Amino acid sequence: MAAGNRPFRVLLTVRVKPGMAAGFEKVWAEGSEEVTAQEANLGHTLARSAQEDDVYYVVSDWTDRDAFLAFESSPGHVLHRERLHPYRESGSLALMHVLEDGR
């Protein structure tokens, strides 16, 4: 694992097209197993904003940046992103090194 045994964290913010939230959640869940099957993946979650029903946050932790980038460009993940694309109005990706985790 990266620096000091702290994970590399990815935060994806997605704005889903109005009325398409249920479909987005379903397709996201269908691809979840592929993420968690990755040896370098330490877990991931899907959360919906408490302020905007059409905004979602995907947080995933990885052993290191290179492992995440390899997964992100893998054929299976590219296919999953393509399946999610019709639901997305916009999105942004933040990559970060966890410095402290409160444990």
PDB file of N, CA and C in Angstrom:
ATOM      1  N   MET A   1       0.845  -1.177   0.000  1.00  0.00           N
ATOM      2  CA  MET A   1       0.000   0.000   0.000  1.00  0.00           C
ATOM      3  C   MET A   1       0.885   1.233   0.000  1.00  0.00           C
ATOM      4  N   ALA A   2       0.363   2.342  -0.442  1.00  0.00           N
ATOM      5  CA  ALA A   2       1.109   3.594  -0.589  1.00  0.00           C
ATOM      6  C   ALA A   2       1.518   4.168   0.753  1.00  0.00           C
ATOM      7  N   ALA A   3       2.182   5.297   0.698  1.00  0.00           N
ATOM      8  CA  ALA A   3       2.786   6.013   1.820  1.00  0.00           C
ATOM      9  C   ALA A   3       2.151   5.732   3.165  1.00  0.00           C
ATOM     10  N   GLY A   4       2.970   5.166   4.060  1.00  0.00           N
ATOM     11  CA  GLY A   4       2.507   4.949   5.425  1.00  0.00           C
ATOM     12  C   GLY A   4       1.324   4.016   5.535  1.00  0.00           C
ATOM     13  N   ASN A   5       1.155   3.095   4.582  1.00  0.00           N
ATOM     14  CA  ASN A   5       0.013   2.176   4.575  1.00  0.00           C
ATOM     15  C   ASN A   5      -1.331   2.885   4.514  1.00  0.00           C
ATOM     16  N   ARG A   6      -1.347   4.040   3.909  1.00  0.00           N
ATOM     17  CA  ARG A   6      -2.604   4.762   3.718  1.00  0.00           C
ATOM     18  C   ARG A   6      -3.048   4.593   2.266  1.00  0.00           C
ATOM     19  N   PRO A   7      -4.330   4.495   2.048  1.00  0.00           N
ATOM     20  CA  PRO A   7      -4.813   4.233   0.691  1.00  0.00           C
ATOM     21  C   PRO A   7      -4.720   5.443  -0.227  1.00  0.00           C
ATOM     22  N   PHE A   8      -4.843   5.149  -1.494  1.00  0.00           N
ATOM     23  CA  PHE A   8      -5.029   6.169  -2.519  1.00  0.00           C
ATOM     24  C   PHE A   8      -6.536   6.250  -2.727  1.00  0.00           C
ATOM     25  N   ARG A   9      -7.104   7.428  -2.614  1.00  0.00           N
ATOM     26  CA  ARG A   9      -8.571   7.583  -2.649  1.00  0.00           C
ATOM     27  C   ARG A   9      -9.016   8.279  -3.922  1.00  0.00           C
ATOM     28  N   VAL A  10     -10.139   7.810  -4.431  1.00  0.00           N
ATOM     29  CA  VAL A  10     -10.748   8.379  -5.624  1.00  0.00           C
ATOM     30  C   VAL A  10     -12.154   8.833  -5.255  1.00  0.00           C
ATOM     31  N   LEU A  11     -12.490  10.069  -5.629  1.00  0.00           N
ATOM     32  CA  LEU A  11     -13.824  10.608  -5.395  1.00  0.00           C
ATOM     33  C   LEU A  11     -14.400  11.038  -6.737  1.00  0.00           C
ATOM     34  N   LEU A  12     -15.440  10.353  -7.146  1.00  0.00           N
ATOM     35  CA  LEU A  12     -16.148  10.685  -8.376  1.00  0.00           C
ATOM     36  C   LEU A  12     -17.465  11.338  -7.992  1.00  0.00           C
ATOM     37  N   THR A  13     -17.704  12.521  -8.522  1.00  0.00           N
ATOM     38  CA  THR A  13     -18.981  13.213  -8.314  1.00  0.00           C
ATOM     39  C   THR A  13     -19.741  13.150  -9.633  1.00  0.00           C
ATOM     40  N   VAL A  14     -20.975  12.665  -9.576  1.00  0.00           N
ATOM     41  CA  VAL A  14     -21.777  12.479 -10.782  1.00  0.00           C
ATOM     42  C   VAL A  14     -23.121  13.177 -10.610  1.00  0.00           C
ATOM     43  N   ARG A  15     -23.471  13.995 -11.577  1.00  0.00           N
ATOM     44  CA  ARG A  15     -24.830  14.549 -11.641  1.00  0.00           C
ATOM     45  C   ARG A  15     -25.585  13.721 -12.668  1.00  0.00           C
ATOM     46  N   VAL A  16     -26.661  13.087 -12.215  1.00  0.00           N
ATOM     47  CA  VAL A  16     -27.464  12.203 -13.054  1.00  0.00           C
ATOM     48  C   VAL A  16     -28.582  13.027 -13.696  1.00  0.00           C
ATOM     49  N   LYS A  17     -28.914  12.671 -14.919  1.00  0.00           N
ATOM     50  CA  LYS A  17     -29.999  13.362 -15.617  1.00  0.00           C
ATOM     51  C   LYS A  17     -31.296  13.218 -14.825  1.00  0.00           C
ATOM     52  N   PRO A  18     -32.123  14.251 -14.802  1.00  0.00           N
ATOM     53  CA  PRO A  18     -33.382  14.193 -14.046  1.00  0.00           C
ATOM     54  C   PRO A  18     -34.222  12.970 -14.411  1.00  0.00           C
ATOM     55  N   GLY A  19     -34.729  12.311 -13.382  1.00  0.00           N
ATOM     56  CA  GLY A  19     -35.591  11.154 -13.565  1.00  0.00           C
ATOM     57  C   GLY A  19     -34.868   9.847 -13.861  1.00  0.00           C
ATOM     58  N   MET A  20     -33.538   9.860 -13.845  1.00  0.00           N
ATOM     59  CA  MET A  20     -32.788   8.656 -14.216  1.00  0.00           C
ATOM     60  C   MET A  20     -32.005   8.066 -13.041  1.00  0.00           C
ATOM     61  N   ALA A  21     -32.295   8.515 -11.836  1.00  0.00           N
ATOM     62  CA  ALA A  21     -31.533   8.071 -10.665  1.00  0.00           C
ATOM     63  C   ALA A  21     -31.630   6.564 -10.439  1.00  0.00           C
ATOM     64  N   ALA A  22     -32.818   6.004 -10.513  1.00  0.00           N
ATOM     65  CA  ALA A  22     -32.991   4.573 -10.244  1.00  0.00           C
ATOM     66  C   ALA A  22     -32.196   3.732 -11.247  1.00  0.00           C
ATOM     67  N   GLY A  23     -32.222   4.105 -12.504  1.00  0.00           N
ATOM     68  CA  GLY A  23     -31.462   3.384 -13.515  1.00  0.00           C
ATOM     69  C   GLY A  23     -29.963   3.488 -13.285  1.00  0.00           C
ATOM     70  N   PHE A  24     -29.506   4.679 -12.912  1.00  0.00           N
ATOM     71  CA  PHE A  24     -28.089   4.875 -12.614  1.00  0.00           C
ATOM     72  C   PHE A  24     -27.661   3.972 -11.462  1.00  0.00           C
ATOM     73  N   GLU A  25     -28.447   3.955 -10.402  1.00  0.00           N
ATOM     74  CA  GLU A  25     -28.113   3.128  -9.239  1.00  0.00           C
ATOM     75  C   GLU A  25     -28.046   1.647  -9.611  1.00  0.00           C
ATOM     76  N   LYS A  26     -28.975   1.200 -10.434  1.00  0.00           N
ATOM     77  CA  LYS A  26     -29.017  -0.206 -10.844  1.00  0.00           C
ATOM     78  C   LYS A  26     -27.781  -0.567 -11.655  1.00  0.00           C
ATOM     79  N   VAL A  27     -27.437   0.239 -12.645  1.00  0.00           N
ATOM     80  CA  VAL A  27     -26.284  -0.050 -13.494  1.00  0.00           C
ATOM     81  C   VAL A  27     -24.992   0.057 -12.683  1.00  0.00           C
ATOM     82  N   TRP A  28     -24.917   1.022 -11.780  1.00  0.00           N
ATOM     83  CA  TRP A  28     -23.723   1.138 -10.929  1.00  0.00           C
ATOM     84  C   TRP A  28     -23.545  -0.140 -10.107  1.00  0.00           C
ATOM     85  N   ALA A  29     -24.624  -0.615  -9.501  1.00  0.00           N
ATOM     86  CA  ALA A  29     -24.553  -1.822  -8.671  1.00  0.00           C
ATOM     87  C   ALA A  29     -24.132  -3.037  -9.493  1.00  0.00           C
ATOM     88  N   GLU A  30     -24.583  -3.117 -10.740  1.00  0.00           N
ATOM     89  CA  GLU A  30     -24.213  -4.242 -11.603  1.00  0.00           C
ATOM     90  C   GLU A  30     -22.705  -4.289 -11.876  1.00  0.00           C
ATOM     91  N   GLY A  31     -22.034  -3.149 -11.846  1.00  0.00           N
ATOM     92  CA  GLY A  31     -20.597  -3.109 -12.085  1.00  0.00           C
ATOM     93  C   GLY A  31     -19.766  -3.131 -10.826  1.00  0.00           C
ATOM     94  N   SER A  32     -20.421  -3.102  -9.687  1.00  0.00           N
ATOM     95  CA  SER A  32     -19.715  -3.020  -8.411  1.00  0.00           C
ATOM     96  C   SER A  32     -18.808  -4.214  -8.159  1.00  0.00           C
ATOM     97  N   GLU A  33     -19.252  -5.398  -8.527  1.00  0.00           N
ATOM     98  CA  GLU A  33     -18.472  -6.607  -8.268  1.00  0.00           C
ATOM     99  C   GLU A  33     -17.125  -6.586  -8.998  1.00  0.00           C
ATOM    100  N   GLU A  34     -17.114  -6.008 -10.186  1.00  0.00           N
ATOM    101  CA  GLU A  34     -15.853  -5.935 -10.926  1.00  0.00           C
ATOM    102  C   GLU A  34     -14.830  -5.077 -10.177  1.00  0.00           C
ATOM    103  N   VAL A  35     -15.290  -4.017  -9.540  1.00  0.00           N
ATOM    104  CA  VAL A  35     -14.379  -3.151  -8.782  1.00  0.00           C
ATOM    105  C   VAL A  35     -13.851  -3.895  -7.568  1.00  0.00           C
ATOM    106  N   THR A  36     -14.741  -4.468  -6.789  1.00  0.00           N
ATOM    107  CA  THR A  36     -14.318  -5.128  -5.554  1.00  0.00           C
ATOM    108  C   THR A  36     -13.506  -6.394  -5.816  1.00  0.00           C
ATOM    109  N   ALA A  37     -13.583  -6.940  -7.024  1.00  0.00           N
ATOM    110  CA  ALA A  37     -12.796  -8.123  -7.366  1.00  0.00           C
ATOM    111  C   ALA A  37     -11.323  -7.784  -7.616  1.00  0.00           C
ATOM    112  N   GLN A  38     -11.038  -6.510  -7.781  1.00  0.00           N
ATOM    113  CA  GLN A  38      -9.656  -6.104  -8.023  1.00  0.00           C
ATOM    114  C   GLN A  38      -8.840  -6.237  -6.741  1.00  0.00           C
ATOM    115  N   GLU A  39      -7.722  -6.905  -6.830  1.00  0.00           N
ATOM    116  CA  GLU A  39      -6.872  -7.112  -5.659  1.00  0.00           C
ATOM    117  C   GLU A  39      -6.440  -5.794  -5.026  1.00  0.00           C
ATOM    118  N   ALA A  40      -6.235  -4.782  -5.839  1.00  0.00           N
ATOM    119  CA  ALA A  40      -5.770  -3.485  -5.336  1.00  0.00           C
ATOM    120  C   ALA A  40      -6.893  -2.617  -4.765  1.00  0.00           C
ATOM    121  N   ASN A  41      -8.140  -3.028  -4.955  1.00  0.00           N
ATOM    122  CA  ASN A  41      -9.256  -2.232  -4.434  1.00  0.00           C
ATOM    123  C   ASN A  41      -9.493  -2.562  -2.970  1.00  0.00           C
ATOM    124  N   LEU A  42      -9.578  -1.519  -2.170  1.00  0.00           N
ATOM    125  CA  LEU A  42      -9.776  -1.680  -0.729  1.00  0.00           C
ATOM    126  C   LEU A  42     -11.219  -1.415  -0.313  1.00  0.00           C
ATOM    127  N   GLY A  43     -12.079  -1.142  -1.277  1.00  0.00           N
ATOM    128  CA  GLY A  43     -13.489  -0.896  -1.001  1.00  0.00           C
ATOM    129  C   GLY A  43     -13.990   0.318  -1.755  1.00  0.00           C
ATOM    130  N   HIS A  44     -15.286   0.350  -1.966  1.00  0.00           N
ATOM    131  CA  HIS A  44     -15.888   1.525  -2.609  1.00  0.00           C
ATOM    132  C   HIS A  44     -17.345   1.639  -2.199  1.00  0.00           C
ATOM    133  N   THR A  45     -17.828   2.873  -2.280  1.00  0.00           N
ATOM    134  CA  THR A  45     -19.204   3.149  -1.862  1.00  0.00           C
ATOM    135  C   THR A  45     -19.874   4.092  -2.858  1.00  0.00           C
ATOM    136  N   LEU A  46     -21.197   4.008  -2.883  1.00  0.00           N
ATOM    137  CA  LEU A  46     -22.019   4.943  -3.639  1.00  0.00           C
ATOM    138  C   LEU A  46     -22.890   5.670  -2.633  1.00  0.00           C
ATOM    139  N   ALA A  47     -22.900   6.992  -2.696  1.00  0.00           N
ATOM    140  CA  ALA A  47     -23.732   7.797  -1.803  1.00  0.00           C
ATOM    141  C   ALA A  47     -24.472   8.841  -2.641  1.00  0.00           C
ATOM    142  N   ARG A  48     -25.671   9.197  -2.183  1.00  0.00           N
ATOM    143  CA  ARG A  48     -26.440  10.259  -2.849  1.00  0.00           C
ATOM    144  C   ARG A  48     -26.412  11.496  -1.970  1.00  0.00           C
ATOM    145  N   SER A  49     -26.301  12.640  -2.583  1.00  0.00           N
ATOM    146  CA  SER A  49     -26.273  13.901  -1.858  1.00  0.00           C
ATOM    147  C   SER A  49     -27.542  14.076  -1.034  1.00  0.00           C
ATOM    148  N   ALA A  50     -27.397  14.621   0.160  1.00  0.00           N
ATOM    149  CA  ALA A  50     -28.549  14.935   1.007  1.00  0.00           C
ATOM    150  C   ALA A  50     -29.193  16.257   0.584  1.00  0.00           C
ATOM    151  N   GLN A  51     -28.516  16.986  -0.312  1.00  0.00           N
ATOM    152  CA  GLN A  51     -29.033  18.288  -0.737  1.00  0.00           C
ATOM    153  C   GLN A  51     -29.592  18.285  -2.155  1.00  0.00           C
ATOM    154  N   GLU A  52     -29.051  17.407  -3.001  1.00  0.00           N
ATOM    155  CA  GLU A  52     -29.486  17.356  -4.396  1.00  0.00           C
ATOM    156  C   GLU A  52     -29.690  15.897  -4.790  1.00  0.00           C
ATOM    157  N   ASP A  53     -30.927  15.514  -5.043  1.00  0.00           N
ATOM    158  CA  ASP A  53     -31.252  14.108  -5.325  1.00  0.00           C
ATOM    159  C   ASP A  53     -30.541  13.535  -6.545  1.00  0.00           C
ATOM    160  N   ASP A  54     -30.128  14.374  -7.476  1.00  0.00           N
ATOM    161  CA  ASP A  54     -29.512  13.882  -8.698  1.00  0.00           C
ATOM    162  C   ASP A  54     -27.983  13.887  -8.640  1.00  0.00           C
ATOM    163  N   VAL A  55     -27.400  14.131  -7.458  1.00  0.00           N
ATOM    164  CA  VAL A  55     -25.946  14.154  -7.317  1.00  0.00           C
ATOM    165  C   VAL A  55     -25.506  12.940  -6.498  1.00  0.00           C
ATOM    166  N   TYR A  56     -24.528  12.221  -7.043  1.00  0.00           N
ATOM    167  CA  TYR A  56     -23.990  11.030  -6.399  1.00  0.00           C
ATOM    168  C   TYR A  56     -22.490  11.180  -6.200  1.00  0.00           C
ATOM    169  N   TYR A  57     -21.993  10.466  -5.196  1.00  0.00           N
ATOM    170  CA  TYR A  57     -20.569  10.422  -4.912  1.00  0.00           C
ATOM    171  C   TYR A  57     -20.144   8.956  -4.873  1.00  0.00           C
ATOM    172  N   VAL A  58     -19.108   8.651  -5.611  1.00  0.00           N
ATOM    173  CA  VAL A  58     -18.517   7.323  -5.573  1.00  0.00           C
ATOM    174  C   VAL A  58     -17.132   7.498  -4.955  1.00  0.00           C
ATOM    175  N   VAL A  59     -16.894   6.813  -3.841  1.00  0.00           N
ATOM    176  CA  VAL A  59     -15.599   6.877  -3.169  1.00  0.00           C
ATOM    177  C   VAL A  59     -15.002   5.484  -3.227  1.00  0.00           C
ATOM    178  N   SER A  60     -13.765   5.405  -3.703  1.00  0.00           N
ATOM    179  CA  SER A  60     -13.088   4.112  -3.702  1.00  0.00           C
ATOM    180  C   SER A  60     -11.658   4.289  -3.224  1.00  0.00           C
ATOM    181  N   ASP A  61     -11.191   3.298  -2.504  1.00  0.00           N
ATOM    182  CA  ASP A  61      -9.827   3.295  -1.986  1.00  0.00           C
ATOM    183  C   ASP A  61      -9.040   2.194  -2.678  1.00  0.00           C
ATOM    184  N   TRP A  62      -7.782   2.507  -2.970  1.00  0.00           N
ATOM    185  CA  TRP A  62      -6.897   1.615  -3.704  1.00  0.00           C
ATOM    186  C   TRP A  62      -5.557   1.541  -2.985  1.00  0.00           C
ATOM    187  N   THR A  63      -4.819   0.490  -3.271  1.00  0.00           N
ATOM    188  CA  THR A  63      -3.511   0.356  -2.641  1.00  0.00           C
ATOM    189  C   THR A  63      -2.576   1.467  -3.091  1.00  0.00           C
ATOM    190  N   ASP A  64      -2.718   1.905  -4.352  1.00  0.00           N
ATOM    191  CA  ASP A  64      -1.849   2.971  -4.853  1.00  0.00           C
ATOM    192  C   ASP A  64      -2.434   3.552  -6.144  1.00  0.00           C
ATOM    193  N   ARG A  65      -1.880   4.660  -6.551  1.00  0.00           N
ATOM    194  CA  ARG A  65      -2.356   5.393  -7.728  1.00  0.00           C
ATOM    195  C   ARG A  65      -2.237   4.553  -8.996  1.00  0.00           C
ATOM    196  N   ASP A  66      -1.094   3.909  -9.188  1.00  0.00           N
ATOM    197  CA  ASP A  66      -0.885   3.130 -10.414  1.00  0.00           C
ATOM    198  C   ASP A  66      -1.904   2.002 -10.556  1.00  0.00           C
ATOM    199  N   ALA A  67      -2.240   1.365  -9.448  1.00  0.00           N
ATOM    200  CA  ALA A  67      -3.238   0.287  -9.492  1.00  0.00           C
ATOM    201  C   ALA A  67      -4.597   0.834  -9.910  1.00  0.00           C
ATOM    202  N   PHE A  68      -4.967   1.994  -9.383  1.00  0.00           N
ATOM    203  CA  PHE A  68      -6.243   2.596  -9.787  1.00  0.00           C
ATOM    204  C   PHE A  68      -6.224   2.955 -11.269  1.00  0.00           C
ATOM    205  N   LEU A  69      -5.149   3.593 -11.725  1.00  0.00           N
ATOM    206  CA  LEU A  69      -5.082   4.014 -13.123  1.00  0.00           C
ATOM    207  C   LEU A  69      -5.120   2.815 -14.065  1.00  0.00           C
ATOM    208  N   ALA A  70      -4.500   1.707 -13.674  1.00  0.00           N
ATOM    209  CA  ALA A  70      -4.558   0.495 -14.490  1.00  0.00           C
ATOM    210  C   ALA A  70      -5.994  -0.016 -14.581  1.00  0.00           C
ATOM    211  N   PHE A  71      -6.703  -0.016 -13.452  1.00  0.00           N
ATOM    212  CA  PHE A  71      -8.093  -0.455 -13.463  1.00  0.00           C
ATOM    213  C   PHE A  71      -8.960   0.490 -14.285  1.00  0.00           C
ATOM    214  N   GLU A  72      -8.755   1.782 -14.123  1.00  0.00           N
ATOM    215  CA  GLU A  72      -9.584   2.776 -14.810  1.00  0.00           C
ATOM    216  C   GLU A  72      -9.539   2.617 -16.324  1.00  0.00           C
ATOM    217  N   SER A  73      -8.401   2.201 -16.846  1.00  0.00           N
ATOM    218  CA  SER A  73      -8.280   2.049 -18.294  1.00  0.00           C
ATOM    219  C   SER A  73      -8.510   0.607 -18.770  1.00  0.00           C
ATOM    220  N   SER A  74      -8.882  -0.297 -17.864  1.00  0.00           N
ATOM    221  CA  SER A  74      -9.109  -1.691 -18.247  1.00  0.00           C
ATOM    222  C   SER A  74     -10.375  -1.815 -19.105  1.00  0.00           C
ATOM    223  N   PRO A  75     -10.393  -2.766 -20.018  1.00  0.00           N
ATOM    224  CA  PRO A  75     -11.552  -2.931 -20.913  1.00  0.00           C
ATOM    225  C   PRO A  75     -12.875  -3.107 -20.160  1.00  0.00           C
ATOM    226  N   GLY A  76     -12.876  -3.875 -19.085  1.00  0.00           N
ATOM    227  CA  GLY A  76     -14.113  -4.088 -18.338  1.00  0.00           C
ATOM    228  C   GLY A  76     -14.646  -2.816 -17.713  1.00  0.00           C
ATOM    229  N   HIS A  77     -13.746  -2.004 -17.182  1.00  0.00           N
ATOM    230  CA  HIS A  77     -14.191  -0.756 -16.559  1.00  0.00           C
ATOM    231  C   HIS A  77     -14.636   0.258 -17.614  1.00  0.00           C
ATOM    232  N   VAL A  78     -13.940   0.292 -18.731  1.00  0.00           N
ATOM    233  CA  VAL A  78     -14.355   1.197 -19.810  1.00  0.00           C
ATOM    234  C   VAL A  78     -15.766   0.823 -20.274  1.00  0.00           C
ATOM    235  N   LEU A  79     -16.049  -0.459 -20.403  1.00  0.00           N
ATOM    236  CA  LEU A  79     -17.391  -0.909 -20.798  1.00  0.00           C
ATOM    237  C   LEU A  79     -18.431  -0.479 -19.763  1.00  0.00           C
ATOM    238  N   HIS A  80     -18.103  -0.630 -18.481  1.00  0.00           N
ATOM    239  CA  HIS A  80     -19.038  -0.225 -17.425  1.00  0.00           C
ATOM    240  C   HIS A  80     -19.296   1.289 -17.476  1.00  0.00           C
ATOM    241  N   ARG A  81     -18.252   2.071 -17.678  1.00  0.00           N
ATOM    242  CA  ARG A  81     -18.438   3.533 -17.792  1.00  0.00           C
ATOM    243  C   ARG A  81     -19.340   3.865 -18.973  1.00  0.00           C
ATOM    244  N   GLU A  82     -19.180   3.135 -20.066  1.00  0.00           N
ATOM    245  CA  GLU A  82     -20.037   3.361 -21.238  1.00  0.00           C
ATOM    246  C   GLU A  82     -21.496   3.054 -20.917  1.00  0.00           C
ATOM    247  N   ARG A  83     -21.740   2.044 -20.094  1.00  0.00           N
ATOM    248  CA  ARG A  83     -23.114   1.698 -19.697  1.00  0.00           C
ATOM    249  C   ARG A  83     -23.716   2.786 -18.814  1.00  0.00           C
ATOM    250  N   LEU A  84     -22.861   3.468 -18.031  1.00  0.00           N
ATOM    251  CA  LEU A  84     -23.345   4.531 -17.146  1.00  0.00           C
ATOM    252  C   LEU A  84     -23.523   5.874 -17.864  1.00  0.00           C
ATOM    253  N   HIS A  85     -22.843   6.038 -18.970  1.00  0.00           N
ATOM    254  CA  HIS A  85     -22.824   7.326 -19.665  1.00  0.00           C
ATOM    255  C   HIS A  85     -24.215   7.900 -19.969  1.00  0.00           C
ATOM    256  N   PRO A  86     -25.179   7.112 -20.435  1.00  0.00           N
ATOM    257  CA  PRO A  86     -26.499   7.686 -20.753  1.00  0.00           C
ATOM    258  C   PRO A  86     -27.201   8.336 -19.555  1.00  0.00           C
ATOM    259  N   TYR A  87     -26.817   7.968 -18.347  1.00  0.00           N
ATOM    260  CA  TYR A  87     -27.454   8.496 -17.143  1.00  0.00           C
ATOM    261  C   TYR A  87     -26.793   9.788 -16.647  1.00  0.00           C
ATOM    262  N   ARG A  88     -25.571  10.026 -17.075  1.00  0.00           N
ATOM    263  CA  ARG A  88     -24.773  11.119 -16.529  1.00  0.00           C
ATOM    264  C   ARG A  88     -25.014  12.435 -17.249  1.00  0.00           C
ATOM    265  N   GLU A  89     -25.276  13.453 -16.468  1.00  0.00           N
ATOM    266  CA  GLU A  89     -25.358  14.808 -17.006  1.00  0.00           C
ATOM    267  C   GLU A  89     -23.970  15.454 -16.970  1.00  0.00           C
ATOM    268  N   SER A  90     -23.242  15.226 -15.878  1.00  0.00           N
ATOM    269  CA  SER A  90     -21.886  15.741 -15.733  1.00  0.00           C
ATOM    270  C   SER A  90     -21.175  14.945 -14.643  1.00  0.00           C
ATOM    271  N   GLY A  91     -19.883  15.148 -14.548  1.00  0.00           N
ATOM    272  CA  GLY A  91     -19.128  14.454 -13.521  1.00  0.00           C
ATOM    273  C   GLY A  91     -17.749  15.052 -13.353  1.00  0.00           C
ATOM    274  N   SER A  92     -17.144  14.769 -12.215  1.00  0.00           N
ATOM    275  CA  SER A  92     -15.771  15.198 -11.966  1.00  0.00           C
ATOM    276  C   SER A  92     -15.070  14.129 -11.141  1.00  0.00           C
ATOM    277  N   LEU A  93     -13.771  14.055 -11.300  1.00  0.00           N
ATOM    278  CA  LEU A  93     -12.972  13.036 -10.639  1.00  0.00           C
ATOM    279  C   LEU A  93     -11.871  13.718  -9.846  1.00  0.00           C
ATOM    280  N   ALA A  94     -11.738  13.335  -8.579  1.00  0.00           N
ATOM    281  CA  ALA A  94     -10.661  13.842  -7.721  1.00  0.00           C
ATOM    282  C   ALA A  94      -9.841  12.659  -7.256  1.00  0.00           C
ATOM    283  N   LEU A  95      -8.535  12.747  -7.418  1.00  0.00           N
ATOM    284  CA  LEU A  95      -7.607  11.719  -6.987  1.00  0.00           C
ATOM    285  C   LEU A  95      -6.809  12.280  -5.819  1.00  0.00           C
ATOM    286  N   MET A  96      -6.646  11.474  -4.763  1.00  0.00           N
ATOM    287  CA  MET A  96      -5.981  12.014  -3.580  1.00  0.00           C
ATOM    288  C   MET A  96      -5.223  10.960  -2.806  1.00  0.00           C
ATOM    289  N   HIS A  97      -4.202  11.424  -2.109  1.00  0.00           N
ATOM    290  CA  HIS A  97      -3.439  10.595  -1.182  1.00  0.00           C
ATOM    291  C   HIS A  97      -4.009  10.841   0.213  1.00  0.00           C
ATOM    292  N   VAL A  98      -4.436   9.798   0.889  1.00  0.00           N
ATOM    293  CA  VAL A  98      -4.951   9.930   2.245  1.00  0.00           C
ATOM    294  C   VAL A  98      -3.765  10.201   3.165  1.00  0.00           C
ATOM    295  N   LEU A  99      -3.838  11.301   3.916  1.00  0.00           N
ATOM    296  CA  LEU A  99      -2.761  11.672   4.844  1.00  0.00           C
ATOM    297  C   LEU A  99      -3.037  11.201   6.246  1.00  0.00           C
ATOM    298  N   GLU A 100      -4.263  11.328   6.683  1.00  0.00           N
ATOM    299  CA  GLU A 100      -4.675  10.892   8.026  1.00  0.00           C
ATOM    300  C   GLU A 100      -6.030  10.234   7.884  1.00  0.00           C
ATOM    301  N   ASP A 101      -6.256   9.189   8.671  1.00  0.00           N
ATOM    302  CA  ASP A 101      -7.542   8.505   8.581  1.00  0.00           C
ATOM    303  C   ASP A 101      -8.277   8.406   9.906  1.00  0.00           C
ATOM    304  N   GLY A 102      -7.767   9.035  10.931  1.00  0.00           N
ATOM    305  CA  GLY A 102      -8.470   9.090  12.202  1.00  0.00           C
ATOM    306  C   GLY A 102      -8.445   7.812  12.999  1.00  0.00           C
ATOM    307  N   ARG A 103      -7.669   6.841  12.589  1.00  0.00           N
ATOM    308  CA  ARG A 103      -7.603   5.588  13.346  1.00  0.00           C
ATOM    309  C   ARG A 103      -6.433   5.573  14.264  1.00  0.00           C
TER     310      ARG A 103
END
